[in-house]
Amino acid sequence: MEDSTPSSGKVSGSGSSKSLDPGRKYGKQDPTNRNNFFCNFCGVRTTGGVFRLKQHLVGGHRNTLACQKVPEHVRKEIQDYMDIKKASKEAYDMSKRLPQSYFDEEEDDDECVEMPKAGKFSGGGSKGSSSLPQKKQKTKGPLDMFFTPNPADVVKARKEGRDQGRQKTLNEMCRKDLRNKVCRDIARFFYDGGIPFHLLTLDSFHVMCESIGQFGPGLKPPSMYEARVPLLKKEVEDTEKAMVEHKEEWALKGCSILSDGWRDSTVQKDIVNFLVNSPKGSVFIRSMDVSDVVKDANLLFKILDDLVEEVGEENVVQVVTDNASNYVKAGKK
């Protein structure tokens, strides 16, 4: 018998609903019995509806013999579709076991998550029909701030191998092909934007992915305005707060000023990055174009002296530069 669950049930609605199932493209329905299909590739007759035909095309099911002539891309297409339907059914069954208060009552099209539409369905011999309910976003409350794991801590634990015993989520229990689809979407974003691949190794990227996973389906990404204005201002505020702690460390234990000079061959400019190092760590102060002053020891001295005054002369233990002659003369001053 064909699976009669709401997510993969026997379709009895319009032709457009039936066309959503890729299995119907690769089989011909028996005009004498709508539950029987003939495989387009090997001609085998299957009973039990389109669901049994898909099992025949994919193979590996004891209910029917596997098709020996189906192309590999067709087999993969059907398998991916069946995996998605299975995950949808599990999510639907889980939603029925949860109290109504678990779901948000707001009817916001941008925030709610719709269950995959399967058109009209019938089950248990009833001729009545109904449509799938919409699964709405889970309500987030103050307690979530305490019981939801910190994404940064999750990424750190994963790196250290301390997350092996934790309970797996529904997404992690899905087949590997579902993860591959997500990874392809992420990779395509890098390709479209021409983003360097080494950014995938940053902890902040992994924390971002973990935060998205904890939010769940229906996340509305930040707009360009949000990223350029309010979110950037918030990041600057956090950085300034962190700088306060570093400055307290400089006053307590002293610090070193580091100048890292390099030449940009593309625009033919000499650039110097200035950093301050202390037992708490190194922080970036500024980057300067010194193309017009790199050969003048007096001007180099003026730049370094102003930086010492900014950090606090009583806090600076040493100034570290490269060994170019002009930097050496500036150091002697």
C-alpha atoms as a PDB file:
ATOM      1  CA  MET A   1       0.000   0.000   0.000  1.00  0.00           C
ATOM      2  CA  GLU A   2       1.167   3.500  -0.697  1.00  0.00           C
ATOM      3  CA  ASP A   3       2.223   5.652   2.252  1.00  0.00           C
ATOM      4  CA  SER A   4      -0.878   7.546   3.366  1.00  0.00           C
ATOM      5  CA  THR A   5       0.753  10.054   5.708  1.00  0.00           C
ATOM      6  CA  PRO A   6      -0.008  13.729   5.091  1.00  0.00           C
ATOM      7  CA  SER A   7       3.502  14.459   3.863  1.00  0.00           C
ATOM      8  CA  SER A   8       3.737  11.689   1.304  1.00  0.00           C
ATOM      9  CA  GLY A   9       0.164  10.520   0.979  1.00  0.00           C
ATOM     10  CA  LYS A  10      -1.787   9.359  -2.012  1.00  0.00           C
ATOM     11  CA  VAL A  11      -2.522  12.413  -4.081  1.00  0.00           C
ATOM     12  CA  SER A  12      -6.111  12.777  -5.166  1.00  0.00           C
ATOM     13  CA  GLY A  13      -6.164  16.485  -5.990  1.00  0.00           C
ATOM     14  CA  SER A  14      -5.477  18.403  -9.165  1.00  0.00           C
ATOM     15  CA  GLY A  15      -2.992  17.498 -11.859  1.00  0.00           C
ATOM     16  CA  SER A  16      -0.683  20.308 -10.727  1.00  0.00           C
ATOM     17  CA  SER A  17      -0.396  18.689  -7.282  1.00  0.00           C
ATOM     18  CA  LYS A  18       0.437  15.343  -8.842  1.00  0.00           C
ATOM     19  CA  SER A  19       3.137  16.897 -10.995  1.00  0.00           C
ATOM     20  CA  LEU A  20       5.061  17.853  -7.865  1.00  0.00           C
ATOM     21  CA  ASP A  21       6.026  14.202  -7.398  1.00  0.00           C
ATOM     22  CA  PRO A  22       8.976  13.386  -9.711  1.00  0.00           C
ATOM     23  CA  GLY A  23       8.086   9.682  -9.590  1.00  0.00           C
ATOM     24  CA  ARG A  24       5.175  10.279 -11.959  1.00  0.00           C
ATOM     25  CA  LYS A  25       7.552  11.429 -14.685  1.00  0.00           C
ATOM     26  CA  TYR A  26       9.182   8.023 -14.904  1.00  0.00           C
ATOM     27  CA  GLY A  27       6.172   5.738 -14.875  1.00  0.00           C
ATOM     28  CA  LYS A  28       2.945   5.241 -16.813  1.00  0.00           C
ATOM     29  CA  GLN A  29      -0.234   4.738 -14.827  1.00  0.00           C
ATOM     30  CA  ASP A  30      -2.252   1.610 -15.552  1.00  0.00           C
ATOM     31  CA  PRO A  31      -5.591   2.804 -17.012  1.00  0.00           C
ATOM     32  CA  THR A  32      -7.374  -0.162 -15.427  1.00  0.00           C
ATOM     33  CA  ASN A  33      -5.959   0.361 -11.925  1.00  0.00           C
ATOM     34  CA  ARG A  34      -4.706   3.772 -10.744  1.00  0.00           C
ATOM     35  CA  ASN A  35      -2.533   2.149  -8.057  1.00  0.00           C
ATOM     36  CA  ASN A  36      -0.414   0.348 -10.649  1.00  0.00           C
ATOM     37  CA  PHE A  37       2.416   1.891 -12.660  1.00  0.00           C
ATOM     38  CA  PHE A  38       4.665   0.693 -15.492  1.00  0.00           C
ATOM     39  CA  CYS A  39       8.334   1.708 -15.234  1.00  0.00           C
ATOM     40  CA  ASN A  40       9.469   3.790 -18.221  1.00  0.00           C
ATOM     41  CA  PHE A  41      12.919   2.205 -18.195  1.00  0.00           C
ATOM     42  CA  CYS A  42      12.391  -1.528 -17.721  1.00  0.00           C
ATOM     43  CA  GLY A  43       8.622  -1.890 -18.189  1.00  0.00           C
ATOM     44  CA  VAL A  44       8.095  -3.634 -14.833  1.00  0.00           C
ATOM     45  CA  ARG A  45       4.600  -3.252 -13.390  1.00  0.00           C
ATOM     46  CA  THR A  46       4.498  -2.082  -9.767  1.00  0.00           C
ATOM     47  CA  THR A  47       1.531  -2.132  -7.406  1.00  0.00           C
ATOM     48  CA  GLY A  48       0.966   0.196  -4.485  1.00  0.00           C
ATOM     49  CA  GLY A  49       0.865   3.571  -6.166  1.00  0.00           C
ATOM     50  CA  VAL A  50       3.600   6.001  -7.135  1.00  0.00           C
ATOM     51  CA  PHE A  51       5.347   5.444  -3.800  1.00  0.00           C
ATOM     52  CA  ARG A  52       6.078   1.815  -4.728  1.00  0.00           C
ATOM     53  CA  LEU A  53       7.254   2.974  -8.180  1.00  0.00           C
ATOM     54  CA  LYS A  54       9.767   5.289  -6.499  1.00  0.00           C
ATOM     55  CA  GLN A  55      11.013   2.400  -4.357  1.00  0.00           C
ATOM     56  CA  HIS A  56      11.459   0.400  -7.547  1.00  0.00           C
ATOM     57  CA  LEU A  57      13.483   3.208  -9.169  1.00  0.00           C
ATOM     58  CA  VAL A  58      15.686   3.841  -6.121  1.00  0.00           C
ATOM     59  CA  GLY A  59      16.251   0.200  -5.189  1.00  0.00           C
ATOM     60  CA  GLY A  60      17.204  -1.308  -1.867  1.00  0.00           C
ATOM     61  CA  HIS A  61      13.606  -1.901  -0.728  1.00  0.00           C
ATOM     62  CA  ARG A  62      12.352  -5.404  -0.021  1.00  0.00           C
ATOM     63  CA  ASN A  63       8.826  -4.506  -1.124  1.00  0.00           C
ATOM     64  CA  THR A  64       9.795  -4.371  -4.787  1.00  0.00           C
ATOM     65  CA  LEU A  65      12.581  -5.328  -7.173  1.00  0.00           C
ATOM     66  CA  ALA A  66      15.064  -2.606  -8.096  1.00  0.00           C
ATOM     67  CA  CYS A  67      15.113  -1.255 -11.637  1.00  0.00           C
ATOM     68  CA  GLN A  68      18.284  -2.296 -13.449  1.00  0.00           C
ATOM     69  CA  LYS A  69      18.011   0.275 -16.250  1.00  0.00           C
ATOM     70  CA  VAL A  70      17.271   3.512 -14.421  1.00  0.00           C
ATOM     71  CA  PRO A  71      19.920   6.237 -15.040  1.00  0.00           C
ATOM     72  CA  GLU A  72      21.962   7.300 -12.019  1.00  0.00           C
ATOM     73  CA  HIS A  73      20.760  10.923 -12.123  1.00  0.00           C
ATOM     74  CA  VAL A  74      17.138   9.750 -12.041  1.00  0.00           C
ATOM     75  CA  ARG A  75      17.850   7.434  -9.118  1.00  0.00           C
ATOM     76  CA  LYS A  76      19.461  10.320  -7.192  1.00  0.00           C
ATOM     77  CA  GLU A  77      16.583  12.699  -7.999  1.00  0.00           C
ATOM     78  CA  ILE A  78      14.028  10.248  -6.624  1.00  0.00           C
ATOM     79  CA  GLN A  79      16.153   9.437  -3.562  1.00  0.00           C
ATOM     80  CA  ASP A  80      16.599  13.134  -2.695  1.00  0.00           C
ATOM     81  CA  TYR A  81      12.855  13.695  -3.007  1.00  0.00           C
ATOM     82  CA  MET A  82      12.063  10.732  -0.748  1.00  0.00           C
ATOM     83  CA  ASP A  83      14.588  11.939   1.851  1.00  0.00           C
ATOM     84  CA  ILE A  84      13.013  15.396   1.950  1.00  0.00           C
ATOM     85  CA  LYS A  85       9.515  13.925   2.260  1.00  0.00           C
ATOM     86  CA  LYS A  86      10.668  11.676   5.111  1.00  0.00           C
ATOM     87  CA  ALA A  87      12.197  14.614   7.000  1.00  0.00           C
ATOM     88  CA  SER A  88       9.018  16.632   6.436  1.00  0.00           C
ATOM     89  CA  LYS A  89       6.906  13.790   7.825  1.00  0.00           C
ATOM     90  CA  GLU A  90       9.092  13.571  10.939  1.00  0.00           C
ATOM     91  CA  ALA A  91       8.783  17.324  11.493  1.00  0.00           C
ATOM     92  CA  TYR A  92       5.013  17.150  10.982  1.00  0.00           C
ATOM     93  CA  ASP A  93       4.642  14.255  13.433  1.00  0.00           C
ATOM     94  CA  MET A  94       6.757  16.101  15.980  1.00  0.00           C
ATOM     95  CA  SER A  95       4.610  19.234  15.625  1.00  0.00           C
ATOM     96  CA  LYS A  96       1.462  17.216  16.448  1.00  0.00           C
ATOM     97  CA  ARG A  97       3.004  16.028  19.733  1.00  0.00           C
ATOM     98  CA  LEU A  98       3.865  19.555  20.897  1.00  0.00           C
ATOM     99  CA  PRO A  99       1.381  21.877  22.680  1.00  0.00           C
ATOM    100  CA  GLN A 100      -0.094  24.741  20.682  1.00  0.00           C
ATOM    101  CA  SER A 101       1.746  27.230  22.926  1.00  0.00           C
ATOM    102  CA  TYR A 102       5.011  25.967  21.396  1.00  0.00           C
ATOM    103  CA  PHE A 103       4.173  27.791  18.166  1.00  0.00           C
ATOM    104  CA  ASP A 104       3.994  31.508  17.502  1.00  0.00           C
ATOM    105  CA  GLU A 105       0.518  32.903  16.935  1.00  0.00           C
ATOM    106  CA  GLU A 106       1.619  35.797  14.713  1.00  0.00           C
ATOM    107  CA  GLU A 107       0.654  35.446  11.054  1.00  0.00           C
ATOM    108  CA  ASP A 108       3.814  36.985   9.605  1.00  0.00           C
ATOM    109  CA  ASP A 109       4.591  35.616   6.153  1.00  0.00           C
ATOM    110  CA  ASP A 110       8.251  36.516   6.521  1.00  0.00           C
ATOM    111  CA  GLU A 111       8.708  34.661   9.795  1.00  0.00           C
ATOM    112  CA  CYS A 112       6.448  31.598   9.666  1.00  0.00           C
ATOM    113  CA  VAL A 113       7.580  28.316   8.161  1.00  0.00           C
ATOM    114  CA  GLU A 114       5.224  26.411   5.918  1.00  0.00           C
ATOM    115  CA  MET A 115       5.206  22.641   5.767  1.00  0.00           C
ATOM    116  CA  PRO A 116       5.733  21.297   2.219  1.00  0.00           C
ATOM    117  CA  LYS A 117       2.407  21.351   0.375  1.00  0.00           C
ATOM    118  CA  ALA A 118       1.197  17.977  -0.833  1.00  0.00           C
ATOM    119  CA  GLY A 119      -2.153  19.151  -2.164  1.00  0.00           C
ATOM    120  CA  LYS A 120      -5.279  17.320  -1.073  1.00  0.00           C
ATOM    121  CA  PHE A 121      -5.005  13.902   0.448  1.00  0.00           C
ATOM    122  CA  SER A 122      -7.279  11.200   1.687  1.00  0.00           C
ATOM    123  CA  GLY A 123      -6.661   8.534   4.275  1.00  0.00           C
ATOM    124  CA  GLY A 124      -8.484   5.720   6.018  1.00  0.00           C
ATOM    125  CA  GLY A 125     -10.928   5.377   3.140  1.00  0.00           C
ATOM    126  CA  SER A 126     -12.541   8.750   3.866  1.00  0.00           C
ATOM    127  CA  LYS A 127     -13.554  10.817   0.890  1.00  0.00           C
ATOM    128  CA  GLY A 128     -13.084  14.073   2.765  1.00  0.00           C
ATOM    129  CA  SER A 129      -9.979  16.137   2.067  1.00  0.00           C
ATOM    130  CA  SER A 130      -7.951  18.626   4.027  1.00  0.00           C
ATOM    131  CA  SER A 131      -4.734  20.556   3.562  1.00  0.00           C
ATOM    132  CA  LEU A 132      -1.585  20.425   5.610  1.00  0.00           C
ATOM    133  CA  PRO A 133      -1.379  22.927   8.479  1.00  0.00           C
ATOM    134  CA  GLN A 134       1.349  25.533   8.520  1.00  0.00           C
ATOM    135  CA  LYS A 135       4.082  24.937  11.049  1.00  0.00           C
ATOM    136  CA  LYS A 136       4.829  28.259  12.643  1.00  0.00           C
ATOM    137  CA  GLN A 137       8.029  29.490  14.166  1.00  0.00           C
ATOM    138  CA  LYS A 138       8.855  28.380  17.680  1.00  0.00           C
ATOM    139  CA  THR A 139       8.315  31.093  20.264  1.00  0.00           C
ATOM    140  CA  LYS A 140      11.544  32.350  21.825  1.00  0.00           C
ATOM    141  CA  GLY A 141      11.376  33.547  25.406  1.00  0.00           C
ATOM    142  CA  PRO A 142      13.751  34.703  28.163  1.00  0.00           C
ATOM    143  CA  LEU A 143      14.516  31.126  29.233  1.00  0.00           C
ATOM    144  CA  ASP A 144      15.981  30.413  25.789  1.00  0.00           C
ATOM    145  CA  MET A 145      18.819  32.797  26.662  1.00  0.00           C
ATOM    146  CA  PHE A 146      19.837  30.411  29.439  1.00  0.00           C
ATOM    147  CA  PHE A 147      19.071  26.977  28.003  1.00  0.00           C
ATOM    148  CA  THR A 148      20.099  27.510  24.377  1.00  0.00           C
ATOM    149  CA  PRO A 149      23.816  26.692  24.096  1.00  0.00           C
ATOM    150  CA  ASN A 150      26.120  29.534  23.136  1.00  0.00           C
ATOM    151  CA  PRO A 151      27.098  29.080  19.443  1.00  0.00           C
ATOM    152  CA  ALA A 152      30.741  29.966  20.174  1.00  0.00           C
ATOM    153  CA  ASP A 153      30.884  27.340  22.941  1.00  0.00           C
ATOM    154  CA  VAL A 154      29.324  24.748  20.638  1.00  0.00           C
ATOM    155  CA  VAL A 155      31.948  25.404  17.944  1.00  0.00           C
ATOM    156  CA  LYS A 156      34.742  25.206  20.527  1.00  0.00           C
ATOM    157  CA  ALA A 157      33.403  21.926  21.905  1.00  0.00           C
ATOM    158  CA  ARG A 158      33.138  20.492  18.400  1.00  0.00           C
ATOM    159  CA  LYS A 159      36.778  21.363  17.718  1.00  0.00           C
ATOM    160  CA  GLU A 160      37.860  19.718  20.961  1.00  0.00           C
ATOM    161  CA  GLY A 161      35.721  16.630  20.288  1.00  0.00           C
ATOM    162  CA  ARG A 162      33.528  17.172  23.350  1.00  0.00           C
ATOM    163  CA  ASP A 163      30.208  17.096  21.484  1.00  0.00           C
ATOM    164  CA  GLN A 164      30.162  13.392  20.653  1.00  0.00           C
ATOM    165  CA  GLY A 165      27.729  12.473  23.404  1.00  0.00           C
ATOM    166  CA  ARG A 166      25.171  15.220  22.845  1.00  0.00           C
ATOM    167  CA  GLN A 167      21.713  14.494  21.475  1.00  0.00           C
ATOM    168  CA  LYS A 168      21.551  14.857  17.715  1.00  0.00           C
ATOM    169  CA  THR A 169      19.046  17.217  16.141  1.00  0.00           C
ATOM    170  CA  LEU A 170      16.547  16.279  13.444  1.00  0.00           C
ATOM    171  CA  ASN A 171      18.709  17.806  10.716  1.00  0.00           C
ATOM    172  CA  GLU A 172      21.729  15.798  11.843  1.00  0.00           C
ATOM    173  CA  MET A 173      19.722  12.576  11.660  1.00  0.00           C
ATOM    174  CA  CYS A 174      18.839  13.223   8.034  1.00  0.00           C
ATOM    175  CA  ARG A 175      20.842  11.604   5.298  1.00  0.00           C
ATOM    176  CA  LYS A 176      24.193  12.890   4.122  1.00  0.00           C
ATOM    177  CA  ASP A 177      22.672  14.105   0.851  1.00  0.00           C
ATOM    178  CA  LEU A 178      20.638  16.733   2.720  1.00  0.00           C
ATOM    179  CA  ARG A 179      23.821  18.160   4.252  1.00  0.00           C
ATOM    180  CA  ASN A 180      25.452  18.154   0.843  1.00  0.00           C
ATOM    181  CA  LYS A 181      22.660  20.372  -0.485  1.00  0.00           C
ATOM    182  CA  VAL A 182      23.199  22.907   2.292  1.00  0.00           C
ATOM    183  CA  CYS A 183      26.960  22.867   1.722  1.00  0.00           C
ATOM    184  CA  ARG A 184      26.414  23.459  -1.990  1.00  0.00           C
ATOM    185  CA  ASP A 185      24.265  26.506  -1.217  1.00  0.00           C
ATOM    186  CA  ILE A 186      26.972  27.861   1.089  1.00  0.00           C
ATOM    187  CA  ALA A 187      29.677  27.224  -1.501  1.00  0.00           C
ATOM    188  CA  ARG A 188      27.586  28.888  -4.212  1.00  0.00           C
ATOM    189  CA  PHE A 189      27.384  32.006  -2.041  1.00  0.00           C
ATOM    190  CA  PHE A 190      31.196  32.087  -1.950  1.00  0.00           C
ATOM    191  CA  TYR A 191      31.368  31.607  -5.723  1.00  0.00           C
ATOM    192  CA  ASP A 192      28.814  34.341  -6.486  1.00  0.00           C
ATOM    193  CA  GLY A 193      30.532  36.869  -4.219  1.00  0.00           C
ATOM    194  CA  GLY A 194      34.099  35.973  -5.153  1.00  0.00           C
ATOM    195  CA  ILE A 195      34.819  35.405  -1.464  1.00  0.00           C
ATOM    196  CA  PRO A 196      38.216  33.853  -0.526  1.00  0.00           C
ATOM    197  CA  PHE A 197      37.842  30.233   0.534  1.00  0.00           C
ATOM    198  CA  HIS A 198      40.125  30.574   3.564  1.00  0.00           C
ATOM    199  CA  LEU A 199      37.296  32.460   5.313  1.00  0.00           C
ATOM    200  CA  LEU A 200      35.668  29.061   5.813  1.00  0.00           C
ATOM    201  CA  THR A 201      38.338  28.364   8.449  1.00  0.00           C
ATOM    202  CA  LEU A 202      37.362  31.362  10.609  1.00  0.00           C
ATOM    203  CA  ASP A 203      35.695  30.597  13.932  1.00  0.00           C
ATOM    204  CA  SER A 204      33.209  33.404  13.280  1.00  0.00           C
ATOM    205  CA  PHE A 205      31.959  31.563  10.168  1.00  0.00           C
ATOM    206  CA  HIS A 206      31.322  28.376  12.161  1.00  0.00           C
ATOM    207  CA  VAL A 207      29.646  30.381  14.941  1.00  0.00           C
ATOM    208  CA  MET A 208      27.399  31.983  12.302  1.00  0.00           C
ATOM    209  CA  CYS A 209      26.354  28.575  10.949  1.00  0.00           C
ATOM    210  CA  GLU A 210      25.641  27.303  14.469  1.00  0.00           C
ATOM    211  CA  SER A 211      23.520  30.396  15.242  1.00  0.00           C
ATOM    212  CA  ILE A 212      21.492  29.884  12.057  1.00  0.00           C
ATOM    213  CA  GLY A 213      20.964  26.226  12.943  1.00  0.00           C
ATOM    214  CA  GLN A 214      19.762  27.097  16.458  1.00  0.00           C
ATOM    215  CA  PHE A 215      17.314  29.665  15.087  1.00  0.00           C
ATOM    216  CA  GLY A 216      15.742  27.063  12.824  1.00  0.00           C
ATOM    217  CA  PRO A 217      13.757  27.438   9.598  1.00  0.00           C
ATOM    218  CA  GLY A 218      12.431  30.811   8.498  1.00  0.00           C
ATOM    219  CA  LEU A 219      15.387  33.025   9.430  1.00  0.00           C
ATOM    220  CA  LYS A 220      15.119  36.445   7.781  1.00  0.00           C
ATOM    221  CA  PRO A 221      18.735  37.452   7.012  1.00  0.00           C
ATOM    222  CA  PRO A 222      19.980  40.974   7.785  1.00  0.00           C
ATOM    223  CA  SER A 223      19.405  43.591   5.124  1.00  0.00           C
ATOM    224  CA  MET A 224      22.237  45.604   3.600  1.00  0.00           C
ATOM    225  CA  TYR A 225      21.176  48.593   5.708  1.00  0.00           C
ATOM    226  CA  GLU A 226      21.230  46.545   8.926  1.00  0.00           C
ATOM    227  CA  ALA A 227      24.719  45.249   8.173  1.00  0.00           C
ATOM    228  CA  ARG A 228      26.043  48.699   7.237  1.00  0.00           C
ATOM    229  CA  VAL A 229      24.477  50.783  10.033  1.00  0.00           C
ATOM    230  CA  PRO A 230      22.954  49.327  13.242  1.00  0.00           C
ATOM    231  CA  LEU A 231      24.852  46.014  13.306  1.00  0.00           C
ATOM    232  CA  LEU A 232      28.157  47.716  12.446  1.00  0.00           C
ATOM    233  CA  LYS A 233      27.622  50.322  15.178  1.00  0.00           C
ATOM    234  CA  LYS A 234      26.943  47.548  17.679  1.00  0.00           C
ATOM    235  CA  GLU A 235      30.167  45.785  16.658  1.00  0.00           C
ATOM    236  CA  VAL A 236      32.110  49.043  17.085  1.00  0.00           C
ATOM    237  CA  GLU A 237      30.626  49.479  20.562  1.00  0.00           C
ATOM    238  CA  ASP A 238      31.660  45.949  21.531  1.00  0.00           C
ATOM    239  CA  THR A 239      35.166  46.587  20.205  1.00  0.00           C
ATOM    240  CA  GLU A 240      35.459  49.808  22.204  1.00  0.00           C
ATOM    241  CA  LYS A 241      34.359  47.980  25.346  1.00  0.00           C
ATOM    242  CA  ALA A 242      37.043  45.334  24.729  1.00  0.00           C
ATOM    243  CA  MET A 243      39.631  48.096  24.225  1.00  0.00           C
ATOM    244  CA  VAL A 244      38.879  49.420  27.725  1.00  0.00           C
ATOM    245  CA  GLU A 245      40.005  46.103  29.197  1.00  0.00           C
ATOM    246  CA  HIS A 246      43.197  46.174  27.111  1.00  0.00           C
ATOM    247  CA  LYS A 247      44.011  49.740  28.185  1.00  0.00           C
ATOM    248  CA  GLU A 248      43.620  48.725  31.836  1.00  0.00           C
ATOM    249  CA  GLU A 249      46.096  45.914  31.144  1.00  0.00           C
ATOM    250  CA  TRP A 250      48.541  48.360  29.531  1.00  0.00           C
ATOM    251  CA  ALA A 251      48.482  50.575  32.614  1.00  0.00           C
ATOM    252  CA  LEU A 252      48.884  47.607  34.944  1.00  0.00           C
ATOM    253  CA  LYS A 253      51.587  45.559  33.190  1.00  0.00           C
ATOM    254  CA  GLY A 254      52.941  47.741  30.384  1.00  0.00           C
ATOM    255  CA  CYS A 255      52.813  47.169  26.638  1.00  0.00           C
ATOM    256  CA  SER A 256      54.823  47.187  23.409  1.00  0.00           C
ATOM    257  CA  ILE A 257      54.093  49.132  20.235  1.00  0.00           C
ATOM    258  CA  LEU A 258      54.607  47.126  17.056  1.00  0.00           C
ATOM    259  CA  SER A 259      54.913  48.612  13.571  1.00  0.00           C
ATOM    260  CA  ASP A 260      54.518  46.210  10.670  1.00  0.00           C
ATOM    261  CA  GLY A 261      55.554  47.803   7.373  1.00  0.00           C
ATOM    262  CA  TRP A 262      54.813  46.393   3.919  1.00  0.00           C
ATOM    263  CA  ARG A 263      54.548  47.632   0.324  1.00  0.00           C
ATOM    264  CA  ASP A 264      51.405  47.306  -1.748  1.00  0.00           C
ATOM    265  CA  SER A 265      52.816  46.505  -5.199  1.00  0.00           C
ATOM    266  CA  THR A 266      49.404  47.032  -6.833  1.00  0.00           C
ATOM    267  CA  VAL A 267      49.081  50.730  -5.968  1.00  0.00           C
ATOM    268  CA  GLN A 268      52.782  51.277  -5.209  1.00  0.00           C
ATOM    269  CA  LYS A 269      52.249  52.473  -1.648  1.00  0.00           C
ATOM    270  CA  ASP A 270      54.091  51.889   1.615  1.00  0.00           C
ATOM    271  CA  ILE A 271      51.708  50.857   4.384  1.00  0.00           C
ATOM    272  CA  VAL A 272      52.409  50.496   8.111  1.00  0.00           C
ATOM    273  CA  ASN A 273      50.106  48.689  10.523  1.00  0.00           C
ATOM    274  CA  PHE A 274      50.407  49.745  14.162  1.00  0.00           C
ATOM    275  CA  LEU A 275      49.545  47.290  16.938  1.00  0.00           C
ATOM    276  CA  VAL A 276      49.863  47.263  20.717  1.00  0.00           C
ATOM    277  CA  ASN A 277      50.836  44.063  22.501  1.00  0.00           C
ATOM    278  CA  SER A 278      50.407  43.207  26.171  1.00  0.00           C
ATOM    279  CA  PRO A 279      49.968  40.014  28.219  1.00  0.00           C
ATOM    280  CA  LYS A 280      46.239  40.231  27.390  1.00  0.00           C
ATOM    281  CA  GLY A 281      46.980  40.031  23.646  1.00  0.00           C
ATOM    282  CA  SER A 282      47.596  42.194  20.575  1.00  0.00           C
ATOM    283  CA  VAL A 283      45.164  44.808  19.281  1.00  0.00           C
ATOM    284  CA  PHE A 284      45.184  46.700  15.997  1.00  0.00           C
ATOM    285  CA  ILE A 285      45.346  50.495  16.348  1.00  0.00           C
ATOM    286  CA  ARG A 286      45.494  51.872  12.815  1.00  0.00           C
ATOM    287  CA  SER A 287      46.976  51.516   9.362  1.00  0.00           C
ATOM    288  CA  MET A 288      48.783  54.448   7.694  1.00  0.00           C
ATOM    289  CA  ASP A 289      50.070  55.282   4.243  1.00  0.00           C
ATOM    290  CA  VAL A 290      53.698  56.374   4.817  1.00  0.00           C
ATOM    291  CA  SER A 291      54.754  56.554   1.167  1.00  0.00           C
ATOM    292  CA  ASP A 292      55.678  60.244   1.551  1.00  0.00           C
ATOM    293  CA  VAL A 293      57.477  59.928   4.887  1.00  0.00           C
ATOM    294  CA  VAL A 294      59.096  56.494   4.823  1.00  0.00           C
ATOM    295  CA  LYS A 295      62.421  58.025   3.765  1.00  0.00           C
ATOM    296  CA  ASP A 296      62.333  60.800   6.333  1.00  0.00           C
ATOM    297  CA  ALA A 297      63.465  59.725   9.803  1.00  0.00           C
ATOM    298  CA  ASN A 298      62.115  62.911  11.431  1.00  0.00           C
ATOM    299  CA  LEU A 299      58.596  62.337  10.106  1.00  0.00           C
ATOM    300  CA  LEU A 300      58.729  58.665  11.092  1.00  0.00           C
ATOM    301  CA  PHE A 301      59.763  59.714  14.581  1.00  0.00           C
ATOM    302  CA  LYS A 302      56.838  62.144  14.743  1.00  0.00           C
ATOM    303  CA  ILE A 303      54.361  59.356  13.812  1.00  0.00           C
ATOM    304  CA  LEU A 304      55.812  56.945  16.383  1.00  0.00           C
ATOM    305  CA  ASP A 305      56.000  59.632  19.072  1.00  0.00           C
ATOM    306  CA  ASP A 306      52.340  60.569  18.559  1.00  0.00           C
ATOM    307  CA  LEU A 307      51.380  56.906  18.878  1.00  0.00           C
ATOM    308  CA  VAL A 308      53.359  56.587  22.134  1.00  0.00           C
ATOM    309  CA  GLU A 309      51.532  59.625  23.505  1.00  0.00           C
ATOM    310  CA  GLU A 310      48.196  58.122  22.467  1.00  0.00           C
ATOM    311  CA  VAL A 311      48.883  54.803  24.189  1.00  0.00           C
ATOM    312  CA  GLY A 312      50.441  56.493  27.206  1.00  0.00           C
ATOM    313  CA  GLU A 313      54.168  57.125  27.531  1.00  0.00           C
ATOM    314  CA  GLU A 314      54.202  55.688  31.042  1.00  0.00           C
ATOM    315  CA  ASN A 315      52.690  52.449  29.703  1.00  0.00           C
ATOM    316  CA  VAL A 316      55.040  51.819  26.760  1.00  0.00           C
ATOM    317  CA  VAL A 317      57.912  49.460  27.493  1.00  0.00           C
ATOM    318  CA  GLN A 318      59.354  49.357  23.966  1.00  0.00           C
ATOM    319  CA  VAL A 319      58.683  50.226  20.328  1.00  0.00           C
ATOM    320  CA  VAL A 320      59.376  47.448  17.814  1.00  0.00           C
ATOM    321  CA  THR A 321      59.973  48.314  14.134  1.00  0.00           C
ATOM    322  CA  ASP A 322      61.761  46.739  11.190  1.00  0.00           C
ATOM    323  CA  ASN A 323      65.510  47.305  10.690  1.00  0.00           C
ATOM    324  CA  ALA A 324      65.319  49.787   7.797  1.00  0.00           C
ATOM    325  CA  SER A 325      67.837  52.614   8.255  1.00  0.00           C
ATOM    326  CA  ASN A 326      65.229  55.360   8.622  1.00  0.00           C
ATOM    327  CA  TYR A 327      63.373  53.387  11.301  1.00  0.00           C
ATOM    328  CA  VAL A 328      66.674  52.889  13.138  1.00  0.00           C
ATOM    329  CA  LYS A 329      67.354  56.651  13.043  1.00  0.00           C
ATOM    330  CA  ALA A 330      63.826  57.353  14.251  1.00  0.00           C
ATOM    331  CA  GLY A 331      64.316  54.866  17.072  1.00  0.00           C
ATOM    332  CA  LYS A 332      67.465  56.649  18.234  1.00  0.00           C
ATOM    333  CA  LYS A 333      65.526  59.893  18.515  1.00  0.00           C
END
